[in-house]
Amino acid sequence: MQRQPAVVVVAVAEPARRRARRRRAKMPVKSSASFRMTAVPMVVAAQLLAAAVLALALVWALHFRGGVSWERTSNPLLVYTAHPLFMVIGFVICTGEAVMAYRIVLGPRPANKVVHLLLHLVAMAFAAVGLYAAFKYHHDTGLPDLHSLHSWIGIATIALYALQVSESHTTRMMLFFVVTNL
């Protein structure tokens, strides 16, 4: 019986830089301006839908429900009408604008971040007023608070949204102070 000769493979180590370059994905570089131009149709569509939602919510509140009032009137539903109106303005309009702030605001990134944060804070303010309207209506009419699944999910949503906005803001501020004090 004849033995087959052993094959010896010698691996040549290539430098780490070359390996890292080879592994990196080759993607075309998009400048901010070109990406902004490709996002324009979606931003315009979202802006138009937000304007339509706002117009429909205002027509519903002012025309079909008779307006909004904070006073105890003969019609306590005028107090309750503020709840859906302010929730729509806060969570749909302001939050949507905050999400698109990086594409809408032309300017440096820090300016975009400030507008993004301010729109989220305005959304929180509108949500707080809408929540106040619901509790005021329940108090004025003698209904129990937090008696439905809608109310519990709403409270959880507002609490988680507030936690996210406040945590993100404090984390970014801490990072800002750490980086600037190095």
Protein backbone atom coordinates (compact mmCIF):
# COMPACT_ATOMS: atom_id res chain seq x y z
CA MET A 1 0.00 0.00 0.00
CA GLN A 2 1.19 3.33 -0.94
CA ARG A 3 0.67 6.31 1.39
CA GLN A 4 -0.58 9.61 0.13
CA PRO A 5 1.73 12.50 0.89
CA ALA A 6 0.44 14.86 3.58
CA VAL A 7 -0.64 18.28 2.41
CA VAL A 8 0.55 21.13 4.52
CA VAL A 9 -1.34 24.42 4.33
CA VAL A 10 0.46 27.49 5.49
CA ALA A 11 -1.75 30.43 6.36
CA VAL A 12 -0.26 33.81 5.84
CA ALA A 13 -1.52 36.32 8.32
CA GLU A 14 -2.69 39.45 6.63
CA PRO A 15 -2.53 42.73 8.44
CA ALA A 16 -5.54 43.68 10.58
CA ARG A 17 -6.12 46.87 8.61
CA ARG A 18 -6.56 45.01 5.37
CA ARG A 19 -8.97 42.53 6.96
CA ALA A 20 -11.06 45.34 8.44
CA ARG A 21 -11.24 47.10 5.09
CA ARG A 22 -12.28 43.91 3.36
CA ARG A 23 -15.08 43.19 5.88
CA ARG A 24 -16.64 46.63 5.70
CA ALA A 25 -19.72 46.83 3.54
CA LYS A 26 -19.32 48.96 0.49
CA MET A 27 -22.33 51.29 0.51
CA PRO A 28 -22.70 54.47 -1.44
CA VAL A 29 -22.30 57.52 0.73
CA LYS A 30 -25.41 59.66 0.85
CA SER A 31 -25.03 63.24 1.79
CA SER A 32 -27.60 64.81 4.07
CA ALA A 33 -28.88 66.99 1.25
CA SER A 34 -29.54 64.07 -1.10
CA PHE A 35 -31.34 62.11 1.59
CA ARG A 36 -33.39 65.17 2.46
CA MET A 37 -34.48 65.41 -1.18
CA THR A 38 -35.57 61.77 -1.28
CA ALA A 39 -37.60 62.27 1.91
CA VAL A 40 -39.48 65.31 0.57
CA PRO A 41 -42.49 63.43 -0.88
CA MET A 42 -43.08 61.53 2.36
CA VAL A 43 -42.66 64.66 4.49
CA VAL A 44 -45.11 66.57 2.28
CA ALA A 45 -47.62 63.72 2.46
CA ALA A 46 -47.28 63.53 6.24
CA GLN A 47 -47.68 67.31 6.55
CA LEU A 48 -50.84 67.23 4.43
CA LEU A 49 -52.29 64.36 6.45
CA ALA A 50 -51.48 66.17 9.71
CA ALA A 51 -53.25 69.30 8.43
CA ALA A 52 -56.28 67.20 7.43
CA VAL A 53 -56.39 65.49 10.85
CA LEU A 54 -56.16 68.84 12.62
CA ALA A 55 -58.88 70.36 10.43
CA LEU A 56 -61.21 67.39 11.00
CA ALA A 57 -60.61 67.41 14.77
CA LEU A 58 -61.33 71.14 14.96
CA VAL A 59 -64.49 70.83 12.83
CA TRP A 60 -65.67 67.94 14.98
CA ALA A 61 -64.99 69.79 18.26
CA LEU A 62 -66.25 73.21 17.26
CA HIS A 63 -69.11 72.42 14.90
CA PHE A 64 -70.48 69.02 15.86
CA ARG A 65 -69.79 69.11 19.61
CA GLY A 66 -70.54 72.79 20.16
CA GLY A 67 -67.08 73.94 21.21
CA VAL A 68 -64.83 73.51 24.21
CA SER A 69 -65.34 74.94 27.68
CA TRP A 70 -63.57 74.61 31.02
CA GLU A 71 -66.51 76.00 32.98
CA ARG A 72 -69.27 73.97 34.50
CA THR A 73 -72.04 74.66 32.06
CA SER A 74 -75.38 73.10 31.33
CA ASN A 75 -73.53 70.74 28.98
CA PRO A 76 -70.59 68.97 30.69
CA LEU A 77 -69.65 67.34 27.39
CA LEU A 78 -68.05 70.66 26.39
CA VAL A 79 -65.38 69.96 29.02
CA TYR A 80 -64.92 66.41 27.76
CA THR A 81 -64.58 67.57 24.14
CA ALA A 82 -61.19 69.02 25.04
CA HIS A 83 -59.86 65.52 25.82
CA PRO A 84 -59.87 64.01 22.30
CA LEU A 85 -59.02 67.36 20.72
CA PHE A 86 -55.90 67.93 22.80
CA MET A 87 -54.82 64.29 22.57
CA VAL A 88 -54.99 64.44 18.78
CA ILE A 89 -53.07 67.72 18.69
CA GLY A 90 -50.46 66.42 21.14
CA PHE A 91 -49.88 62.83 20.15
CA VAL A 92 -50.68 62.92 16.44
CA ILE A 93 -49.69 66.40 15.30
CA CYS A 94 -46.86 67.46 17.65
CA THR A 95 -45.29 64.01 17.96
CA GLY A 96 -45.43 63.53 14.20
CA GLU A 97 -43.76 66.87 13.67
CA ALA A 98 -41.13 65.98 16.28
CA VAL A 99 -40.33 62.76 14.45
CA MET A 100 -39.92 64.66 11.17
CA ALA A 101 -37.99 67.57 12.73
CA TYR A 102 -34.68 66.28 11.40
CA ARG A 103 -36.02 66.51 7.83
CA ILE A 104 -38.08 69.68 8.18
CA VAL A 105 -35.69 72.02 9.99
CA LEU A 106 -32.90 73.22 7.78
CA GLY A 107 -29.88 73.92 9.87
CA PRO A 108 -27.18 72.31 11.97
CA ARG A 109 -27.83 69.12 13.90
CA PRO A 110 -27.95 70.83 17.32
CA ALA A 111 -30.78 73.06 16.07
CA ASN A 112 -32.65 69.98 14.84
CA LYS A 113 -32.22 68.35 18.24
CA VAL A 114 -33.59 71.39 20.06
CA VAL A 115 -36.64 71.59 17.79
CA HIS A 116 -37.17 67.83 18.18
CA LEU A 117 -37.06 68.10 21.98
CA LEU A 118 -39.30 71.18 22.11
CA LEU A 119 -41.94 69.52 19.93
CA HIS A 120 -41.94 66.48 22.21
CA LEU A 121 -42.34 68.76 25.24
CA VAL A 122 -45.22 70.60 23.54
CA ALA A 123 -46.81 67.21 22.81
CA MET A 124 -46.49 66.33 26.51
CA ALA A 125 -48.14 69.61 27.47
CA PHE A 126 -51.08 68.98 25.13
CA ALA A 127 -51.41 65.43 26.48
CA ALA A 128 -51.43 66.75 30.05
CA VAL A 129 -54.21 69.22 29.20
CA GLY A 130 -56.19 66.44 27.49
CA LEU A 131 -55.73 64.21 30.52
CA TYR A 132 -56.83 67.04 32.80
CA ALA A 133 -59.98 67.50 30.68
CA ALA A 134 -60.91 63.83 31.08
CA PHE A 135 -60.40 63.89 34.86
CA LYS A 136 -62.28 67.20 35.17
CA TYR A 137 -65.23 65.80 33.20
CA HIS A 138 -65.33 62.71 35.42
CA HIS A 139 -65.13 64.87 38.55
CA ASP A 140 -67.87 67.27 37.37
CA THR A 141 -70.28 64.49 36.41
CA GLY A 142 -69.53 62.18 39.33
CA LEU A 143 -68.18 59.34 37.19
CA PRO A 144 -65.39 57.16 38.60
CA ASP A 145 -61.91 57.78 37.24
CA LEU A 146 -59.96 55.06 35.43
CA HIS A 147 -62.89 52.73 35.00
CA SER A 148 -62.19 51.44 31.49
CA LEU A 149 -59.41 49.72 29.60
CA HIS A 150 -59.07 52.87 27.46
CA SER A 151 -58.26 54.97 30.52
CA TRP A 152 -55.66 52.51 31.85
CA ILE A 153 -53.94 52.14 28.49
CA GLY A 154 -54.03 55.93 28.08
CA ILE A 155 -52.40 56.51 31.47
CA ALA A 156 -49.75 53.89 30.68
CA THR A 157 -49.08 55.47 27.28
CA ILE A 158 -48.68 58.96 28.70
CA ALA A 159 -46.47 57.69 31.53
CA LEU A 160 -44.20 55.75 29.16
CA TYR A 161 -44.03 58.67 26.74
CA ALA A 162 -43.09 61.05 29.55
CA LEU A 163 -40.49 58.57 30.81
CA GLN A 164 -38.98 58.23 27.34
CA VAL A 165 -38.82 62.00 26.74
CA SER A 166 -37.39 62.77 30.19
CA GLU A 167 -34.87 59.90 30.14
CA SER A 168 -33.68 60.80 26.67
CA HIS A 169 -33.31 64.45 27.62
CA THR A 170 -31.42 63.75 30.86
CA THR A 171 -29.15 61.18 29.17
CA ARG A 172 -28.24 63.61 26.39
CA MET A 173 -27.64 66.42 28.88
CA MET A 174 -25.39 64.19 30.98
CA LEU A 175 -23.41 63.16 27.90
CA PHE A 176 -23.14 66.81 26.87
CA PHE A 177 -21.73 67.82 30.25
CA VAL A 178 -19.35 64.85 30.38
CA VAL A 179 -18.01 65.52 26.88
CA THR A 180 -17.63 69.28 27.38
CA ASN A 181 -15.88 68.88 30.75
CA LEU A 182 -13.20 66.48 29.50
